[in-house]
Amino acid sequence: MLKMTGIRTTIAKIFTSRDELSFRNIRGSLWATLLVFPLSFIICDMRHFDIETSILGLKNFELMVFPLGFGWLVLLFLPKNLIIPALRLSAIVCAIILPFQMILPEGLPLQVMFLAFQFFIAVCLGSSFYIFCFTLNNVERLLGMCLVSFYFGIFYYVLWNLSGFVAFMKTWGSAAAMVLYLTVVFYSCRKKDRQYHSEPDNNNFHSASFA
């Protein structure tokens, strides 16, 4: 009961705090922690699921929903101190799977690689969402969601209509994005960044601890 009370108190602070909308409330030292959730979204979405293979009558884009859901579900069973290790391990597995998505011909093996990739990137999404909610302040979360919205607007309405960009993202573009993502994942939530105290006015913020 005491643990549930602590969780409720933390959630209540998210909705009751009123951080000033100012760039000075964005902590440069937490740049990786701020980017890890938006980049998880981008990595999850950047692979173009245009293969025609189906399983049990379900098309490829329909199948992707299942591993995404199961990956998010993993977060419900993770102790708090295992969230960051799960994020980092899942990101490594995604990086290992990515080359197979590039070299395998269309067929069931490629389909399996896509399904596995979506499961582990969903674990990354769930873990980074926890970090996003309980480590950042309101202004930093707002900036993170603006980055996600900007990505979807530019990506789908501009870049994805360029055939050269699509071809690039299926090969070296995906590889470059994954390298950036791994850098952010392993640089985010270092031990010295996991606890903050005091009020936003002096640039010291309360944050959830992962200890």
N, C-alpha and C. Protein backbone atom coordinates (compact mmCIF):
# COMPACT_ATOMS: atom_id res chain seq x y z
N MET A 1 0.82 -1.20 0.00
CA MET A 1 0.00 0.00 0.00
C MET A 1 0.86 1.26 0.00
N LEU A 2 1.97 1.23 0.75
CA LEU A 2 2.87 2.37 0.81
C LEU A 2 3.48 2.65 -0.56
N LYS A 3 3.84 1.55 -1.29
CA LYS A 3 4.42 1.71 -2.62
C LYS A 3 3.42 2.36 -3.57
N MET A 4 2.14 1.93 -3.54
CA MET A 4 1.11 2.51 -4.39
C MET A 4 0.90 3.98 -4.08
N THR A 5 0.99 4.34 -2.79
CA THR A 5 0.84 5.75 -2.40
C THR A 5 1.96 6.59 -3.00
N GLY A 6 3.20 6.04 -3.01
CA GLY A 6 4.32 6.75 -3.60
C GLY A 6 4.15 6.96 -5.09
N ILE A 7 3.63 5.95 -5.77
CA ILE A 7 3.40 6.06 -7.21
C ILE A 7 2.34 7.12 -7.50
N ARG A 8 1.25 7.10 -6.71
CA ARG A 8 0.20 8.10 -6.90
C ARG A 8 0.71 9.51 -6.67
N THR A 9 1.57 9.67 -5.67
CA THR A 9 2.14 10.99 -5.37
C THR A 9 2.99 11.48 -6.53
N THR A 10 3.80 10.58 -7.11
CA THR A 10 4.65 10.95 -8.24
C THR A 10 3.82 11.36 -9.44
N ILE A 11 2.75 10.59 -9.74
CA ILE A 11 1.88 10.91 -10.88
C ILE A 11 1.17 12.24 -10.63
N ALA A 12 0.74 12.47 -9.41
CA ALA A 12 0.05 13.72 -9.09
C ALA A 12 0.96 14.92 -9.32
N LYS A 13 2.25 14.77 -9.00
CA LYS A 13 3.19 15.88 -9.18
C LYS A 13 3.33 16.25 -10.66
N ILE A 14 3.23 15.26 -11.54
CA ILE A 14 3.36 15.53 -12.98
C ILE A 14 2.25 16.47 -13.44
N PHE A 15 1.02 16.24 -12.93
CA PHE A 15 -0.13 17.01 -13.40
C PHE A 15 -0.34 18.30 -12.61
N THR A 16 0.25 18.43 -11.44
CA THR A 16 0.03 19.62 -10.62
C THR A 16 1.15 20.64 -10.75
N SER A 17 2.35 20.20 -11.18
CA SER A 17 3.46 21.16 -11.29
C SER A 17 3.24 22.07 -12.48
N ARG A 18 3.74 23.29 -12.38
CA ARG A 18 3.58 24.28 -13.44
C ARG A 18 4.95 24.89 -13.74
N ASP A 19 5.69 24.25 -14.62
CA ASP A 19 7.01 24.77 -14.98
C ASP A 19 6.86 25.94 -15.94
N GLU A 20 7.68 26.93 -15.78
CA GLU A 20 7.67 28.07 -16.68
C GLU A 20 8.10 27.63 -18.07
N LEU A 21 7.35 28.05 -19.10
CA LEU A 21 7.70 27.70 -20.48
C LEU A 21 8.87 28.55 -20.94
N SER A 22 10.05 28.10 -20.60
CA SER A 22 11.26 28.84 -20.92
C SER A 22 12.37 27.86 -21.29
N PHE A 23 13.20 28.26 -22.24
CA PHE A 23 14.31 27.40 -22.65
C PHE A 23 15.29 27.17 -21.51
N ARG A 24 15.32 28.05 -20.54
CA ARG A 24 16.26 27.88 -19.43
C ARG A 24 15.87 26.69 -18.55
N ASN A 25 14.63 26.20 -18.71
CA ASN A 25 14.20 25.03 -17.96
C ASN A 25 14.51 23.72 -18.68
N ILE A 26 15.18 23.81 -19.82
CA ILE A 26 15.62 22.60 -20.53
C ILE A 26 17.08 22.37 -20.18
N ARG A 27 17.35 21.27 -19.51
CA ARG A 27 18.70 20.98 -19.03
C ARG A 27 19.55 20.34 -20.12
N GLY A 28 20.59 21.04 -20.52
CA GLY A 28 21.46 20.53 -21.57
C GLY A 28 22.14 19.22 -21.22
N SER A 29 22.38 19.01 -19.93
CA SER A 29 23.05 17.78 -19.51
C SER A 29 22.18 16.55 -19.74
N LEU A 30 20.87 16.76 -19.90
CA LEU A 30 19.95 15.64 -20.10
C LEU A 30 19.51 15.52 -21.56
N TRP A 31 20.35 15.97 -22.50
CA TRP A 31 19.95 15.94 -23.91
C TRP A 31 19.64 14.52 -24.37
N ALA A 32 20.42 13.55 -23.92
CA ALA A 32 20.20 12.17 -24.36
C ALA A 32 18.91 11.61 -23.75
N THR A 33 18.65 11.93 -22.49
CA THR A 33 17.43 11.47 -21.84
C THR A 33 16.20 12.07 -22.50
N LEU A 34 16.32 13.32 -22.95
CA LEU A 34 15.21 13.97 -23.64
C LEU A 34 14.95 13.33 -25.01
N LEU A 35 16.01 12.91 -25.69
CA LEU A 35 15.88 12.39 -27.05
C LEU A 35 15.52 10.92 -27.13
N VAL A 36 15.70 10.16 -26.03
CA VAL A 36 15.58 8.71 -26.13
C VAL A 36 14.16 8.27 -26.50
N PHE A 37 13.13 8.92 -25.96
CA PHE A 37 11.77 8.53 -26.32
C PHE A 37 11.39 8.96 -27.73
N PRO A 38 11.63 10.22 -28.15
CA PRO A 38 11.35 10.57 -29.54
C PRO A 38 12.11 9.69 -30.55
N LEU A 39 13.38 9.38 -30.26
CA LEU A 39 14.14 8.54 -31.19
C LEU A 39 13.62 7.10 -31.20
N SER A 40 13.09 6.62 -30.08
CA SER A 40 12.48 5.29 -30.07
C SER A 40 11.30 5.25 -31.03
N PHE A 41 10.51 6.32 -31.04
CA PHE A 41 9.41 6.44 -31.99
C PHE A 41 9.92 6.40 -33.42
N ILE A 42 10.97 7.16 -33.69
CA ILE A 42 11.49 7.26 -35.05
C ILE A 42 12.05 5.93 -35.53
N ILE A 43 12.82 5.25 -34.67
CA ILE A 43 13.39 3.96 -35.04
C ILE A 43 12.28 2.94 -35.28
N CYS A 44 11.24 2.98 -34.48
CA CYS A 44 10.11 2.07 -34.63
C CYS A 44 9.41 2.29 -35.97
N ASP A 45 9.37 3.52 -36.43
CA ASP A 45 8.56 3.87 -37.59
C ASP A 45 9.36 3.97 -38.89
N MET A 46 10.68 3.95 -38.82
CA MET A 46 11.45 4.29 -40.01
C MET A 46 11.52 3.16 -41.03
N ARG A 47 11.28 1.90 -40.61
CA ARG A 47 11.34 0.79 -41.55
C ARG A 47 10.06 0.75 -42.37
N HIS A 48 10.19 0.67 -43.67
CA HIS A 48 9.05 0.71 -44.56
C HIS A 48 8.52 -0.71 -44.76
N PHE A 49 7.35 -1.01 -44.21
CA PHE A 49 6.81 -2.37 -44.26
C PHE A 49 6.04 -2.57 -45.57
N ASP A 50 6.78 -2.70 -46.67
CA ASP A 50 6.14 -2.84 -47.98
C ASP A 50 6.22 -4.27 -48.52
N ILE A 51 6.59 -5.24 -47.68
CA ILE A 51 6.66 -6.61 -48.17
C ILE A 51 5.25 -7.20 -48.20
N GLU A 52 5.05 -8.15 -49.10
CA GLU A 52 3.72 -8.70 -49.34
C GLU A 52 3.44 -9.99 -48.59
N THR A 53 4.41 -10.52 -47.87
CA THR A 53 4.21 -11.78 -47.15
C THR A 53 3.13 -11.63 -46.09
N SER A 54 2.27 -12.64 -45.99
CA SER A 54 1.22 -12.63 -44.97
C SER A 54 1.26 -13.93 -44.18
N ILE A 55 0.79 -13.87 -42.95
CA ILE A 55 0.73 -15.03 -42.08
C ILE A 55 -0.69 -15.14 -41.54
N LEU A 56 -1.30 -16.32 -41.71
CA LEU A 56 -2.67 -16.56 -41.24
C LEU A 56 -3.65 -15.53 -41.79
N GLY A 57 -3.38 -15.10 -43.03
CA GLY A 57 -4.27 -14.15 -43.68
C GLY A 57 -4.08 -12.71 -43.26
N LEU A 58 -3.14 -12.45 -42.35
CA LEU A 58 -2.88 -11.08 -41.89
C LEU A 58 -1.76 -10.46 -42.69
N LYS A 59 -1.98 -9.23 -43.16
CA LYS A 59 -0.95 -8.52 -43.90
C LYS A 59 0.16 -8.06 -42.96
N ASN A 60 1.27 -7.65 -43.56
CA ASN A 60 2.45 -7.31 -42.78
C ASN A 60 2.19 -6.21 -41.76
N PHE A 61 1.56 -5.12 -42.21
CA PHE A 61 1.35 -4.00 -41.29
C PHE A 61 0.37 -4.37 -40.18
N GLU A 62 -0.53 -5.34 -40.44
CA GLU A 62 -1.44 -5.80 -39.38
C GLU A 62 -0.70 -6.66 -38.36
N LEU A 63 0.23 -7.47 -38.83
CA LEU A 63 1.00 -8.33 -37.94
C LEU A 63 1.86 -7.52 -36.97
N MET A 64 2.33 -6.34 -37.41
CA MET A 64 3.23 -5.55 -36.59
C MET A 64 2.60 -5.09 -35.28
N VAL A 65 1.26 -5.05 -35.26
CA VAL A 65 0.56 -4.58 -34.06
C VAL A 65 0.80 -5.53 -32.88
N PHE A 66 0.90 -6.82 -33.15
CA PHE A 66 1.01 -7.81 -32.08
C PHE A 66 2.35 -7.71 -31.33
N PRO A 67 3.50 -7.74 -32.02
CA PRO A 67 4.75 -7.60 -31.26
C PRO A 67 4.89 -6.24 -30.59
N LEU A 68 4.32 -5.19 -31.19
CA LEU A 68 4.36 -3.88 -30.55
C LEU A 68 3.60 -3.91 -29.22
N GLY A 69 2.43 -4.54 -29.23
CA GLY A 69 1.65 -4.63 -28.00
C GLY A 69 2.32 -5.46 -26.93
N PHE A 70 2.88 -6.62 -27.34
CA PHE A 70 3.56 -7.48 -26.36
C PHE A 70 4.81 -6.81 -25.82
N GLY A 71 5.50 -6.05 -26.66
CA GLY A 71 6.70 -5.35 -26.19
C GLY A 71 6.38 -4.30 -25.14
N TRP A 72 5.31 -3.54 -25.34
CA TRP A 72 4.88 -2.57 -24.33
C TRP A 72 4.46 -3.29 -23.06
N LEU A 73 3.84 -4.46 -23.21
CA LEU A 73 3.35 -5.20 -22.05
C LEU A 73 4.47 -5.62 -21.11
N VAL A 74 5.66 -5.83 -21.67
CA VAL A 74 6.81 -6.24 -20.86
C VAL A 74 7.07 -5.26 -19.72
N LEU A 75 6.81 -3.97 -19.98
CA LEU A 75 7.09 -2.94 -18.98
C LEU A 75 6.29 -3.17 -17.69
N LEU A 76 5.12 -3.79 -17.81
CA LEU A 76 4.29 -4.02 -16.62
C LEU A 76 4.93 -5.00 -15.65
N PHE A 77 5.81 -5.85 -16.15
CA PHE A 77 6.41 -6.90 -15.32
C PHE A 77 7.86 -6.60 -14.94
N LEU A 78 8.36 -5.45 -15.36
CA LEU A 78 9.76 -5.11 -15.07
C LEU A 78 9.87 -4.36 -13.75
N PRO A 79 10.75 -4.80 -12.85
CA PRO A 79 11.06 -3.96 -11.68
C PRO A 79 11.69 -2.65 -12.14
N LYS A 80 11.52 -1.62 -11.35
CA LYS A 80 11.99 -0.29 -11.74
C LYS A 80 13.48 -0.26 -12.05
N ASN A 81 14.28 -1.03 -11.30
CA ASN A 81 15.73 -0.99 -11.50
C ASN A 81 16.18 -1.75 -12.74
N LEU A 82 15.24 -2.44 -13.42
CA LEU A 82 15.60 -3.17 -14.65
C LEU A 82 15.14 -2.46 -15.92
N ILE A 83 14.50 -1.31 -15.77
CA ILE A 83 13.96 -0.62 -16.94
C ILE A 83 15.08 -0.13 -17.86
N ILE A 84 16.10 0.49 -17.29
CA ILE A 84 17.21 0.98 -18.12
C ILE A 84 18.00 -0.17 -18.73
N PRO A 85 18.36 -1.23 -17.99
CA PRO A 85 19.01 -2.37 -18.63
C PRO A 85 18.16 -2.99 -19.75
N ALA A 86 16.84 -3.05 -19.56
CA ALA A 86 15.97 -3.59 -20.60
C ALA A 86 16.00 -2.71 -21.84
N LEU A 87 16.01 -1.41 -21.64
CA LEU A 87 16.10 -0.46 -22.77
C LEU A 87 17.38 -0.68 -23.55
N ARG A 88 18.49 -0.77 -22.86
CA ARG A 88 19.79 -0.91 -23.53
C ARG A 88 19.95 -2.27 -24.20
N LEU A 89 19.51 -3.34 -23.54
CA LEU A 89 19.60 -4.66 -24.14
C LEU A 89 18.73 -4.76 -25.39
N SER A 90 17.51 -4.23 -25.31
CA SER A 90 16.60 -4.27 -26.46
C SER A 90 17.13 -3.46 -27.62
N ALA A 91 17.76 -2.32 -27.33
CA ALA A 91 18.35 -1.50 -28.40
C ALA A 91 19.48 -2.25 -29.10
N ILE A 92 20.27 -2.99 -28.35
CA ILE A 92 21.35 -3.79 -28.94
C ILE A 92 20.77 -4.88 -29.84
N VAL A 93 19.72 -5.55 -29.38
CA VAL A 93 19.09 -6.60 -30.19
C VAL A 93 18.54 -6.01 -31.49
N CYS A 94 17.92 -4.83 -31.42
CA CYS A 94 17.41 -4.16 -32.62
C CYS A 94 18.55 -3.87 -33.60
N ALA A 95 19.68 -3.43 -33.07
CA ALA A 95 20.84 -3.14 -33.94
C ALA A 95 21.36 -4.41 -34.60
N ILE A 96 21.27 -5.54 -33.92
CA ILE A 96 21.72 -6.80 -34.50
C ILE A 96 20.75 -7.28 -35.58
N ILE A 97 19.45 -7.06 -35.36
CA ILE A 97 18.44 -7.51 -36.32
C ILE A 97 18.43 -6.67 -37.58
N LEU A 98 18.72 -5.38 -37.46
CA LEU A 98 18.60 -4.45 -38.58
C LEU A 98 19.32 -4.90 -39.85
N PRO A 99 20.58 -5.36 -39.80
CA PRO A 99 21.24 -5.79 -41.03
C PRO A 99 20.51 -6.93 -41.75
N PHE A 100 19.89 -7.83 -40.98
CA PHE A 100 19.14 -8.93 -41.59
C PHE A 100 17.94 -8.40 -42.36
N GLN A 101 17.33 -7.32 -41.87
CA GLN A 101 16.22 -6.71 -42.60
C GLN A 101 16.68 -6.15 -43.94
N MET A 102 17.93 -5.75 -44.00
CA MET A 102 18.46 -5.15 -45.23
C MET A 102 18.86 -6.19 -46.27
N ILE A 103 19.35 -7.35 -45.81
CA ILE A 103 19.94 -8.31 -46.76
C ILE A 103 19.03 -9.48 -47.10
N LEU A 104 18.04 -9.79 -46.25
CA LEU A 104 17.18 -10.94 -46.52
C LEU A 104 16.20 -10.64 -47.64
N PRO A 105 15.96 -11.61 -48.53
CA PRO A 105 14.94 -11.42 -49.57
C PRO A 105 13.56 -11.51 -48.96
N GLU A 106 12.58 -11.02 -49.70
CA GLU A 106 11.22 -11.05 -49.19
C GLU A 106 10.76 -12.49 -48.98
N GLY A 107 10.15 -12.73 -47.85
CA GLY A 107 9.71 -14.07 -47.50
C GLY A 107 9.51 -14.19 -46.00
N LEU A 108 9.29 -15.41 -45.54
CA LEU A 108 9.01 -15.64 -44.12
C LEU A 108 10.18 -15.25 -43.22
N PRO A 109 11.46 -15.56 -43.56
CA PRO A 109 12.57 -15.13 -42.68
C PRO A 109 12.61 -13.62 -42.48
N LEU A 110 12.37 -12.86 -43.55
CA LEU A 110 12.35 -11.40 -43.42
C LEU A 110 11.18 -10.97 -42.55
N GLN A 111 10.05 -11.62 -42.71
CA GLN A 111 8.88 -11.31 -41.89
C GLN A 111 9.19 -11.52 -40.40
N VAL A 112 9.87 -12.62 -40.10
CA VAL A 112 10.22 -12.92 -38.71
C VAL A 112 11.16 -11.84 -38.15
N MET A 113 12.10 -11.37 -38.98
CA MET A 113 13.00 -10.31 -38.55
C MET A 113 12.24 -9.02 -38.22
N PHE A 114 11.26 -8.70 -39.07
CA PHE A 114 10.45 -7.52 -38.81
C PHE A 114 9.67 -7.66 -37.50
N LEU A 115 9.10 -8.84 -37.28
CA LEU A 115 8.32 -9.07 -36.06
C LEU A 115 9.21 -8.97 -34.81
N ALA A 116 10.39 -9.58 -34.89
CA ALA A 116 11.32 -9.52 -33.76
C ALA A 116 11.77 -8.09 -33.51
N PHE A 117 12.06 -7.36 -34.57
CA PHE A 117 12.49 -5.97 -34.44
C PHE A 117 11.41 -5.14 -33.75
N GLN A 118 10.16 -5.33 -34.18
CA GLN A 118 9.07 -4.56 -33.60
C GLN A 118 8.87 -4.88 -32.13
N PHE A 119 9.06 -6.13 -31.75
CA PHE A 119 8.92 -6.49 -30.33
C PHE A 119 9.95 -5.77 -29.48
N PHE A 120 11.21 -5.83 -29.90
CA PHE A 120 12.27 -5.25 -29.06
C PHE A 120 12.25 -3.73 -29.10
N ILE A 121 11.85 -3.14 -30.23
CA ILE A 121 11.77 -1.68 -30.24
C ILE A 121 10.57 -1.23 -29.41
N ALA A 122 9.54 -2.09 -29.28
CA ALA A 122 8.42 -1.76 -28.40
C ALA A 122 8.86 -1.78 -26.93
N VAL A 123 9.75 -2.71 -26.57
CA VAL A 123 10.32 -2.70 -25.22
C VAL A 123 11.08 -1.39 -25.00
N CYS A 124 11.82 -0.96 -26.02
CA CYS A 124 12.53 0.33 -25.94
C CYS A 124 11.54 1.47 -25.76
N LEU A 125 10.44 1.43 -26.51
CA LEU A 125 9.44 2.49 -26.40
C LEU A 125 8.85 2.55 -25.00
N GLY A 126 8.48 1.40 -24.46
CA GLY A 126 7.90 1.37 -23.13
C GLY A 126 8.86 1.86 -22.06
N SER A 127 10.10 1.39 -22.15
CA SER A 127 11.12 1.79 -21.17
C SER A 127 11.44 3.27 -21.28
N SER A 128 11.60 3.76 -22.50
CA SER A 128 11.92 5.18 -22.68
C SER A 128 10.74 6.07 -22.31
N PHE A 129 9.52 5.55 -22.47
CA PHE A 129 8.34 6.32 -22.05
C PHE A 129 8.34 6.52 -20.54
N TYR A 130 8.73 5.48 -19.79
CA TYR A 130 8.84 5.60 -18.34
C TYR A 130 9.87 6.69 -17.99
N ILE A 131 11.02 6.64 -18.65
CA ILE A 131 12.07 7.64 -18.41
C ILE A 131 11.55 9.03 -18.77
N PHE A 132 10.86 9.12 -19.90
CA PHE A 132 10.31 10.37 -20.39
C PHE A 132 9.35 10.98 -19.36
N CYS A 133 8.51 10.14 -18.75
CA CYS A 133 7.50 10.64 -17.81
C CYS A 133 8.09 11.01 -16.45
N PHE A 134 9.02 10.21 -15.94
CA PHE A 134 9.42 10.34 -14.55
C PHE A 134 10.82 10.91 -14.34
N THR A 135 11.51 11.26 -15.42
CA THR A 135 12.84 11.87 -15.27
C THR A 135 12.86 13.32 -15.73
N LEU A 136 12.10 13.64 -16.78
CA LEU A 136 12.11 14.98 -17.35
C LEU A 136 11.07 15.88 -16.67
N ASN A 137 11.27 17.18 -16.79
CA ASN A 137 10.26 18.12 -16.31
C ASN A 137 9.26 18.41 -17.43
N ASN A 138 8.25 19.21 -17.13
CA ASN A 138 7.17 19.45 -18.10
C ASN A 138 7.66 20.11 -19.38
N VAL A 139 8.57 21.05 -19.27
CA VAL A 139 9.06 21.75 -20.45
C VAL A 139 9.84 20.80 -21.35
N GLU A 140 10.64 19.95 -20.75
CA GLU A 140 11.42 18.99 -21.53
C GLU A 140 10.51 17.96 -22.20
N ARG A 141 9.45 17.54 -21.50
CA ARG A 141 8.51 16.62 -22.12
C ARG A 141 7.78 17.28 -23.29
N LEU A 142 7.44 18.54 -23.13
CA LEU A 142 6.78 19.27 -24.22
C LEU A 142 7.69 19.34 -25.44
N LEU A 143 8.97 19.64 -25.23
CA LEU A 143 9.91 19.69 -26.34
C LEU A 143 10.03 18.33 -27.01
N GLY A 144 10.08 17.26 -26.21
CA GLY A 144 10.16 15.92 -26.77
C GLY A 144 8.98 15.59 -27.67
N MET A 145 7.76 15.94 -27.24
CA MET A 145 6.58 15.67 -28.05
C MET A 145 6.54 16.55 -29.29
N CYS A 146 7.07 17.76 -29.19
CA CYS A 146 7.18 18.62 -30.39
C CYS A 146 8.11 17.99 -31.42
N LEU A 147 9.20 17.38 -30.96
CA LEU A 147 10.11 16.70 -31.87
C LEU A 147 9.43 15.53 -32.57
N VAL A 148 8.64 14.76 -31.82
CA VAL A 148 7.91 13.64 -32.42
C VAL A 148 6.92 14.14 -33.47
N SER A 149 6.16 15.19 -33.14
CA SER A 149 5.18 15.74 -34.09
C SER A 149 5.86 16.29 -35.33
N PHE A 150 6.99 16.98 -35.14
CA PHE A 150 7.73 17.53 -36.27
C PHE A 150 8.23 16.41 -37.18
N TYR A 151 8.72 15.33 -36.56
CA TYR A 151 9.20 14.19 -37.35
C TYR A 151 8.09 13.60 -38.21
N PHE A 152 6.94 13.33 -37.60
CA PHE A 152 5.85 12.73 -38.37
C PHE A 152 5.39 13.64 -39.50
N GLY A 153 5.33 14.96 -39.24
CA GLY A 153 4.91 15.89 -40.28
C GLY A 153 5.87 15.93 -41.45
N ILE A 154 7.16 16.06 -41.16
CA ILE A 154 8.17 16.13 -42.22
C ILE A 154 8.34 14.78 -42.91
N PHE A 155 8.36 13.72 -42.13
CA PHE A 155 8.66 12.40 -42.68
C PHE A 155 7.58 11.94 -43.66
N TYR A 156 6.33 12.00 -43.25
CA TYR A 156 5.26 11.43 -44.07
C TYR A 156 4.79 12.37 -45.17
N TYR A 157 4.82 13.66 -44.93
CA TYR A 157 4.29 14.59 -45.91
C TYR A 157 5.34 15.13 -46.87
N VAL A 158 6.61 14.96 -46.54
CA VAL A 158 7.66 15.48 -47.42
C VAL A 158 8.63 14.37 -47.83
N LEU A 159 9.39 13.86 -46.88
CA LEU A 159 10.50 12.96 -47.20
C LEU A 159 10.05 11.63 -47.79
N TRP A 160 8.94 11.08 -47.29
CA TRP A 160 8.53 9.76 -47.75
C TRP A 160 8.00 9.78 -49.18
N ASN A 161 7.78 10.95 -49.73
CA ASN A 161 7.37 11.08 -51.13
C ASN A 161 8.57 11.17 -52.07
N LEU A 162 9.78 11.16 -51.51
CA LEU A 162 11.00 11.22 -52.31
C LEU A 162 11.57 9.81 -52.43
N SER A 163 11.58 9.25 -53.64
CA SER A 163 12.03 7.87 -53.83
C SER A 163 13.47 7.67 -53.40
N GLY A 164 14.32 8.67 -53.61
CA GLY A 164 15.72 8.56 -53.21
C GLY A 164 15.86 8.46 -51.70
N PHE A 165 15.06 9.21 -50.99
CA PHE A 165 15.10 9.15 -49.53
C PHE A 165 14.61 7.80 -49.02
N VAL A 166 13.56 7.26 -49.62
CA VAL A 166 13.04 5.96 -49.22
C VAL A 166 14.11 4.88 -49.40
N ALA A 167 14.80 4.91 -50.55
CA ALA A 167 15.86 3.92 -50.80
C ALA A 167 17.00 4.08 -49.80
N PHE A 168 17.33 5.32 -49.46
CA PHE A 168 18.41 5.59 -48.51
C PHE A 168 18.04 5.07 -47.12
N MET A 169 16.78 5.26 -46.71
CA MET A 169 16.36 4.84 -45.37
C MET A 169 16.26 3.33 -45.25
N LYS A 170 16.18 2.63 -46.36
CA LYS A 170 16.15 1.17 -46.30
C LYS A 170 17.54 0.58 -46.11
N THR A 171 18.57 1.41 -46.28
CA THR A 171 19.95 0.90 -46.16
C THR A 171 20.74 1.76 -45.18
N TRP A 172 21.58 2.65 -45.72
CA TRP A 172 22.50 3.41 -44.88
C TRP A 172 21.79 4.40 -43.97
N GLY A 173 20.64 4.90 -44.37
CA GLY A 173 19.90 5.82 -43.52
C GLY A 173 19.46 5.16 -42.23
N SER A 174 18.95 3.93 -42.34
CA SER A 174 18.54 3.18 -41.16
C SER A 174 19.74 2.88 -40.26
N ALA A 175 20.86 2.54 -40.89
CA ALA A 175 22.07 2.23 -40.12
C ALA A 175 22.55 3.46 -39.35
N ALA A 176 22.55 4.62 -40.01
CA ALA A 176 22.98 5.86 -39.35
C ALA A 176 22.04 6.21 -38.19
N ALA A 177 20.73 6.06 -38.42
CA ALA A 177 19.77 6.34 -37.36
C ALA A 177 19.95 5.41 -36.17
N MET A 178 20.28 4.15 -36.45
CA MET A 178 20.48 3.19 -35.36
C MET A 178 21.73 3.51 -34.55
N VAL A 179 22.79 3.94 -35.22
CA VAL A 179 24.01 4.34 -34.50
C VAL A 179 23.72 5.51 -33.58
N LEU A 180 22.98 6.50 -34.09
CA LEU A 180 22.60 7.64 -33.26
C LEU A 180 21.74 7.19 -32.08
N TYR A 181 20.84 6.28 -32.35
CA TYR A 181 19.94 5.80 -31.29
C TYR A 181 20.71 5.07 -30.19
N LEU A 182 21.64 4.21 -30.57
CA LEU A 182 22.45 3.50 -29.58
C LEU A 182 23.25 4.47 -28.72
N THR A 183 23.78 5.51 -29.37
CA THR A 183 24.54 6.53 -28.63
C THR A 183 23.67 7.20 -27.58
N VAL A 184 22.45 7.57 -27.98
CA VAL A 184 21.53 8.24 -27.07
C VAL A 184 21.11 7.30 -25.95
N VAL A 185 20.81 6.04 -26.28
CA VAL A 185 20.35 5.07 -25.28
C VAL A 185 21.41 4.86 -24.20
N PHE A 186 22.66 4.72 -24.59
CA PHE A 186 23.70 4.42 -23.61
C PHE A 186 24.22 5.67 -22.90
N TYR A 187 23.95 6.85 -23.47
CA TYR A 187 24.37 8.08 -22.82
C TYR A 187 23.29 8.61 -21.88
N SER A 188 22.03 8.17 -22.09
CA SER A 188 20.92 8.67 -21.28
C SER A 188 20.87 7.97 -19.92
N CYS A 189 20.29 8.65 -18.97
CA CYS A 189 20.04 8.09 -17.63
C CYS A 189 21.28 7.52 -16.98
N ARG A 190 22.39 8.26 -17.09
CA ARG A 190 23.55 7.86 -16.30
C ARG A 190 23.25 8.08 -14.83
N LYS A 191 23.99 7.41 -13.95
CA LYS A 191 23.68 7.46 -12.52
C LYS A 191 23.66 8.89 -11.99
N LYS A 192 24.56 9.72 -12.46
CA LYS A 192 24.62 11.08 -11.92
C LYS A 192 23.45 11.95 -12.39
N ASP A 193 22.71 11.47 -13.43
CA ASP A 193 21.58 12.24 -13.94
C ASP A 193 20.24 11.77 -13.39
N ARG A 194 20.21 10.77 -12.54
CA ARG A 194 18.94 10.13 -12.21
C ARG A 194 18.22 10.74 -11.02
N GLN A 195 18.83 11.64 -10.28
CA GLN A 195 18.15 12.24 -9.14
C GLN A 195 18.34 13.75 -9.17
N TYR A 196 17.22 14.46 -9.02
CA TYR A 196 17.25 15.92 -9.00
C TYR A 196 16.34 16.39 -7.88
N HIS A 197 16.61 17.57 -7.39
CA HIS A 197 15.85 18.07 -6.25
C HIS A 197 15.51 19.54 -6.49
N SER A 198 14.63 20.06 -5.60
CA SER A 198 14.28 21.47 -5.56
C SER A 198 13.30 21.85 -6.65
N GLU A 199 13.27 23.15 -7.03
CA GLU A 199 12.24 23.70 -7.88
C GLU A 199 12.80 24.12 -9.22
N PRO A 200 11.91 24.28 -10.27
CA PRO A 200 12.39 24.64 -11.59
C PRO A 200 12.99 26.02 -11.69
N ASP A 201 12.70 26.91 -10.73
CA ASP A 201 13.19 28.28 -10.85
C ASP A 201 14.71 28.37 -10.79
N ASN A 202 15.36 27.42 -10.08
CA ASN A 202 16.81 27.49 -10.01
C ASN A 202 17.45 26.35 -10.80
N ASN A 203 16.67 25.84 -11.78
CA ASN A 203 17.17 24.82 -12.70
C ASN A 203 17.51 23.49 -12.04
N ASN A 204 16.98 23.25 -10.84
CA ASN A 204 17.11 21.93 -10.22
C ASN A 204 15.71 21.34 -10.09
N PHE A 205 15.48 20.19 -10.67
CA PHE A 205 14.14 19.65 -10.77
C PHE A 205 14.02 18.36 -10.01
N HIS A 206 12.80 18.10 -9.51
CA HIS A 206 12.53 16.81 -8.91
C HIS A 206 12.40 15.77 -10.00
N SER A 207 12.99 14.61 -9.81
CA SER A 207 12.91 13.54 -10.79
C SER A 207 12.80 12.21 -10.10
N ALA A 208 12.20 11.25 -10.79
CA ALA A 208 12.09 9.90 -10.24
C ALA A 208 13.46 9.26 -10.19
N SER A 209 13.70 8.48 -9.17
CA SER A 209 14.96 7.73 -9.04
C SER A 209 14.79 6.33 -9.56
N PHE A 210 15.83 5.80 -10.20
CA PHE A 210 15.80 4.45 -10.72
C PHE A 210 16.56 3.49 -9.82
N ALA A 211 16.91 3.96 -8.65
CA ALA A 211 17.68 3.11 -7.73
C ALA A 211 16.82 1.98 -7.22
